[in-house]
Protein backbone atom coordinates (compact mmCIF):
# COMPACT_ATOMS: atom_id res chain seq x y z
CA MET A 1 -9.80 4.95 -7.19
CA ALA A 2 -12.91 5.03 -5.21
CA ASN A 3 -12.94 1.45 -4.41
CA GLN A 4 -9.33 1.85 -3.12
CA VAL A 5 -10.43 4.92 -0.85
CA ASP A 6 -13.36 2.55 0.59
CA LYS A 7 -11.33 -0.58 1.05
CA LEU A 8 -8.84 1.38 3.22
CA ASN A 9 -11.71 3.25 5.57
CA ASP A 10 -13.61 -0.31 5.87
CA ASP A 11 -10.22 -1.52 7.12
CA ALA A 12 -9.36 1.25 9.77
CA VAL A 13 -13.19 1.31 10.15
CA LYS A 14 -12.94 -3.06 11.42
CA LEU A 15 -9.48 -2.02 13.30
CA GLU A 16 -11.55 0.68 15.56
CA LEU A 17 -14.33 -2.04 15.90
CA THR A 18 -12.08 -4.94 17.17
CA ILE A 19 -10.19 -2.22 19.60
CA THR A 20 -13.83 -1.25 21.33
CA ARG A 21 -14.44 -4.82 21.78
CA LEU A 22 -11.66 -5.92 23.15
CA ALA A 23 -11.54 -2.51 25.66
CA ALA A 24 -15.27 -3.83 27.25
CA GLN A 25 -13.27 -7.24 27.49
CA LEU A 26 -10.82 -5.41 29.15
CA LYS A 27 -13.07 -2.97 31.07
CA GLU A 28 -15.04 -6.14 32.53
CA SER A 29 -12.28 -8.53 33.33
CA VAL A 30 -11.17 -9.19 36.59
CA GLY A 31 -8.68 -12.17 35.91
CA THR A 32 -5.24 -12.60 36.43
CA THR A 33 -2.78 -10.12 35.23
CA ASN A 34 -1.59 -12.25 32.28
CA GLU A 35 -5.18 -12.43 30.99
CA VAL A 36 -4.80 -8.27 31.64
CA ASN A 37 -1.51 -8.41 29.76
CA HIS A 38 -2.44 -10.65 26.82
CA LEU A 39 -5.64 -8.19 26.32
CA ASN A 40 -3.42 -4.99 26.22
CA ASN A 41 -0.87 -6.39 23.85
CA GLU A 42 -3.68 -7.18 21.46
CA ILE A 43 -4.92 -3.77 21.71
CA ASN A 44 -1.42 -2.42 21.03
CA LEU A 45 -0.92 -4.56 18.07
CA ASN A 46 -4.27 -3.46 16.75
CA PHE A 47 -3.29 0.36 17.11
CA ASP A 48 -0.24 -0.19 15.10
CA ARG A 49 -2.58 -1.31 12.60
CA LEU A 50 -4.83 1.02 12.34
CA ARG A 51 -1.93 4.01 12.80
CA ALA A 52 -0.59 2.40 9.73
CA LYS A 53 -3.88 2.95 7.57
CA ILE A 54 -4.42 6.23 9.02
CA GLN A 55 -0.20 7.19 8.09
CA LEU A 56 -1.34 5.65 4.56
CA CYS A 57 -3.75 7.98 4.18
CA GLU A 58 -1.83 10.98 4.85
CA ARG A 59 0.18 9.74 2.06
CA MET A 60 -2.24 9.25 -0.39
CA SER A 61 -3.17 12.72 0.44
CA ILE A 62 -0.02 14.17 -0.42
CA LEU A 63 0.86 11.73 -3.54
CA GLU A 64 -2.81 12.11 -5.07
CA THR A 65 -2.67 14.26 -8.04
CA GLY A 66 -6.69 14.86 -8.27
CA SER A 67 -8.08 17.42 -5.83
CA ASP A 68 -11.43 15.19 -5.34
CA ASP A 69 -9.08 12.21 -4.12
CA ARG A 70 -6.68 14.36 -1.92
CA THR A 71 -9.36 15.68 -0.12
CA LYS A 72 -10.65 12.50 0.50
CA TYR A 73 -7.73 10.74 1.85
CA SER A 74 -7.00 14.14 3.71
CA ASN A 75 -10.85 13.97 5.58
CA MET A 76 -10.32 10.27 6.24
CA ALA A 77 -7.03 10.68 7.95
CA GLU A 78 -8.33 13.62 10.12
CA TYR A 79 -11.26 11.55 10.92
CA HIS A 80 -9.49 8.24 12.05
CA ASN A 81 -6.87 10.16 13.78
CA SER A 82 -9.76 11.64 15.75
CA GLN A 83 -11.39 8.19 16.37
CA MET A 84 -7.92 6.63 17.62
CA SER A 85 -7.74 9.50 20.23
CA GLU A 86 -10.99 8.70 21.60
CA LEU A 87 -9.83 5.18 21.29
CA HIS A 88 -6.94 5.63 23.59
CA GLN A 89 -8.92 7.53 26.51
CA LEU A 90 -11.32 4.48 26.47
CA ILE A 91 -8.39 2.05 27.10
CA ARG A 92 -7.39 4.00 29.67
CA GLN A 93 -10.70 4.43 31.38
CA ALA A 94 -11.24 0.31 30.91
CA ASN A 95 -7.62 0.10 32.35
CA LEU A 96 -8.54 1.91 35.53
CA ALA A 97 -11.99 -0.01 35.33
CA CYS A 98 -10.11 -3.00 35.40
CA LYS A 99 -7.76 -1.97 38.06
CA GLN A 100 -10.82 -1.04 40.31
CA ALA A 101 -12.29 -4.13 40.12
CA ILE A 102 -9.62 -6.01 40.89
CA GLU A 103 -8.60 -4.42 44.48
CA ARG A 104 -12.99 -4.24 44.58
CA SER A 105 -12.84 -8.12 44.98
CA ILE A 106 -9.41 -8.69 46.95
CA ARG A 107 -11.00 -6.36 49.09
CA GLU A 108 -14.29 -8.05 49.60
CA GLU A 109 -12.97 -11.45 50.40
CA LEU A 110 -10.72 -10.17 52.82
CA LEU A 111 -13.63 -8.27 54.66
CA THR A 112 -15.75 -11.68 54.44
CA GLY A 113 -12.88 -13.40 56.74
CA ASN A 114 -14.78 -16.35 55.19
CA MET A 115 -11.59 -18.84 54.14
CA ASP A 116 -13.83 -21.41 52.53
CA GLY A 117 -15.43 -19.20 50.03
CA LEU A 118 -12.23 -17.18 49.53
CA VAL A 119 -9.82 -19.64 48.85
CA GLY A 120 -11.66 -23.00 49.30
CA ARG A 121 -8.94 -24.83 51.34
CA GLN A 122 -5.97 -22.92 51.17
CA THR A 123 -4.00 -21.94 54.13
CA LYS A 124 -3.83 -18.16 55.33
CA GLU A 125 -0.02 -18.44 54.61
CA THR A 126 -1.14 -19.12 50.78
CA LEU A 127 -3.89 -16.46 51.02
CA ARG A 128 -1.25 -13.91 52.04
CA GLN A 129 0.93 -14.93 48.92
CA ARG A 130 -1.92 -14.42 46.68
CA VAL A 131 -2.87 -11.03 48.52
CA THR A 132 1.27 -10.45 47.73
CA SER A 133 1.08 -11.22 44.35
CA THR A 134 -2.05 -9.09 43.63
CA THR A 135 -0.27 -6.09 44.93
CA GLU A 136 2.72 -7.19 42.44
CA ASN A 137 -0.03 -7.29 39.35
CA LEU A 138 -1.25 -4.28 40.02
CA GLN A 139 2.09 -2.52 40.27
CA GLU A 140 2.46 -4.05 36.95
CA LEU A 141 -0.58 -2.82 35.49
CA ARG A 142 0.15 0.46 37.05
CA GLU A 143 2.85 0.76 34.96
CA MET A 144 1.39 -0.74 31.69
CA LEU A 145 -1.20 2.39 32.04
CA ASN A 146 1.79 4.73 32.35
CA THR A 147 3.37 3.33 29.51
CA GLN A 148 -0.26 3.55 27.70
CA VAL A 149 -0.42 7.37 28.43
CA HIS A 150 3.10 7.91 27.14
CA ARG A 151 1.92 6.20 23.93
CA SER A 152 -0.55 8.44 23.53
CA TYR A 153 1.03 11.48 23.90
CA GLU A 154 3.46 10.30 21.37
CA THR A 155 0.58 10.02 19.15
CA VAL A 156 -0.96 13.26 19.69
CA GLU A 157 1.91 14.48 18.38
CA VAL A 158 2.61 12.59 15.29
CA LEU A 159 -1.12 13.97 14.78
CA ALA A 160 -0.22 17.20 15.16
CA ASN A 161 2.77 17.29 13.29
CA SER A 162 0.75 15.26 10.28
CA SER A 163 -2.07 18.05 10.19
CA ASN A 164 0.90 20.75 9.78
CA GLN A 165 1.83 18.70 6.94
CA ILE A 166 -1.31 18.71 5.13
CA THR A 167 -2.23 22.23 5.79
CA GLN A 168 1.00 22.96 4.24
CA VAL A 169 0.37 21.01 1.39
CA ASP A 170 -3.12 22.06 0.90
CA ARG A 171 -1.58 26.10 0.62
CA GLY A 172 0.85 24.65 -1.64
CA MET A 173 -1.83 23.40 -3.70
CA SER A 174 -3.80 26.61 -3.50
CA GLU A 175 -0.57 28.64 -4.18
CA ILE A 176 -0.40 26.41 -7.39
CA GLY A 177 -3.92 26.72 -8.56
CA GLY A 178 -3.73 30.46 -8.37
CA LEU A 179 -0.62 30.52 -10.55
CA ILE A 180 -2.26 28.09 -12.96
CA SER A 181 -5.54 30.30 -12.97
CA ILE A 182 -3.15 33.68 -13.78
CA GLY A 183 -0.98 31.83 -16.58
CA SER A 184 -4.38 30.84 -18.10
CA THR A 185 -5.86 34.19 -18.17
CA LEU A 186 -2.19 35.54 -19.63
CA ILE A 187 -2.59 32.95 -22.46
CA THR A 188 -6.06 34.05 -22.93
CA LYS A 189 -5.38 37.66 -23.64
CA TYR A 190 -2.49 36.86 -25.57
CA GLY A 191 -4.94 34.59 -27.94
CA ARG A 192 -6.88 37.62 -28.35
CA ARG A 193 -4.20 40.24 -29.39
CA VAL A 194 -2.70 37.53 -31.95
CA PHE A 195 -6.64 37.44 -33.46
CA CYS A 196 -6.63 41.32 -33.58
CA ASP A 197 -3.10 41.18 -35.19
CA ASN A 198 -3.97 38.76 -37.63
CA ILE A 199 -7.04 40.59 -38.76
CA LEU A 200 -4.85 43.87 -39.13
CA ILE A 201 -2.60 42.23 -41.19
CA VAL A 202 -5.75 41.03 -43.25
CA LEU A 203 -7.12 44.53 -43.52
CA GLY A 204 -3.78 45.72 -44.32
CA LEU A 205 -3.30 43.03 -47.31
CA VAL A 206 -6.82 43.65 -48.53
CA LEU A 207 -6.13 47.66 -48.62
CA PHE A 208 -2.99 47.02 -50.26
CA GLY A 209 -4.74 45.23 -52.94
CA LEU A 210 -7.17 47.46 -53.34
CA VAL A 211 -4.57 50.33 -53.94
CA CYS A 212 -2.71 48.37 -56.36
CA LEU A 213 -5.81 47.28 -58.11
CA TYR A 214 -6.64 50.88 -58.25
CA VAL A 215 -3.71 52.11 -59.84
CA PHE A 216 -3.67 49.57 -62.42
CA LEU A 217 -7.15 50.35 -63.54
CA SER A 218 -6.07 54.31 -63.50
CA ARG A 219 -3.04 53.31 -66.24
CA LEU A 220 -5.28 51.37 -67.97
CA ARG A 221 -7.85 54.74 -68.50
CA ILE A 222 -4.91 56.64 -69.33
CA LEU A 223 -3.87 54.25 -72.19
């Protein structure tokens, strides 16, 4: 069972490292919207995989019969939930940095007034088209950021519900453990009472035997 816990934890850690690496690439990206969208799609895919691993941990923390295994899965789910929340914040910051970098690059190109350095041999009309396209790309990026924020809120709600469920299960397990302890105490007391009863029965039989022997001996003396 320990190997299964370790493997699940390793898979979650690998996904978190992958998301961190993609966040760094997104933060440094000043490419086209397609490139940014591709990175965000890959990030969302890894988030979905990480979320599935965490949900598996939560299910195992409920289904496992051993208290140690339940505790391990519960702690692991709580830890990776916290990591996923931090990664969501990191992705939002990376998207914002990417947006600012794109805007800064366009502003610098426009302020230089150097058409050769800006677009080579492109015409001013082509430049205006590029600015328009970039504006649309920035709007799409803003919508993507809004979607990411919305998904983060949903994730927080799921984590809150999962935490409540785990707390309720732990509380139920504690109550069951208390009932088992009380039952064990009652059984022990009952066993002691049965033992005492057996001793009294044996003493009674011995006493009865001694009385019978005394009566028998008394009659023999009379004869």
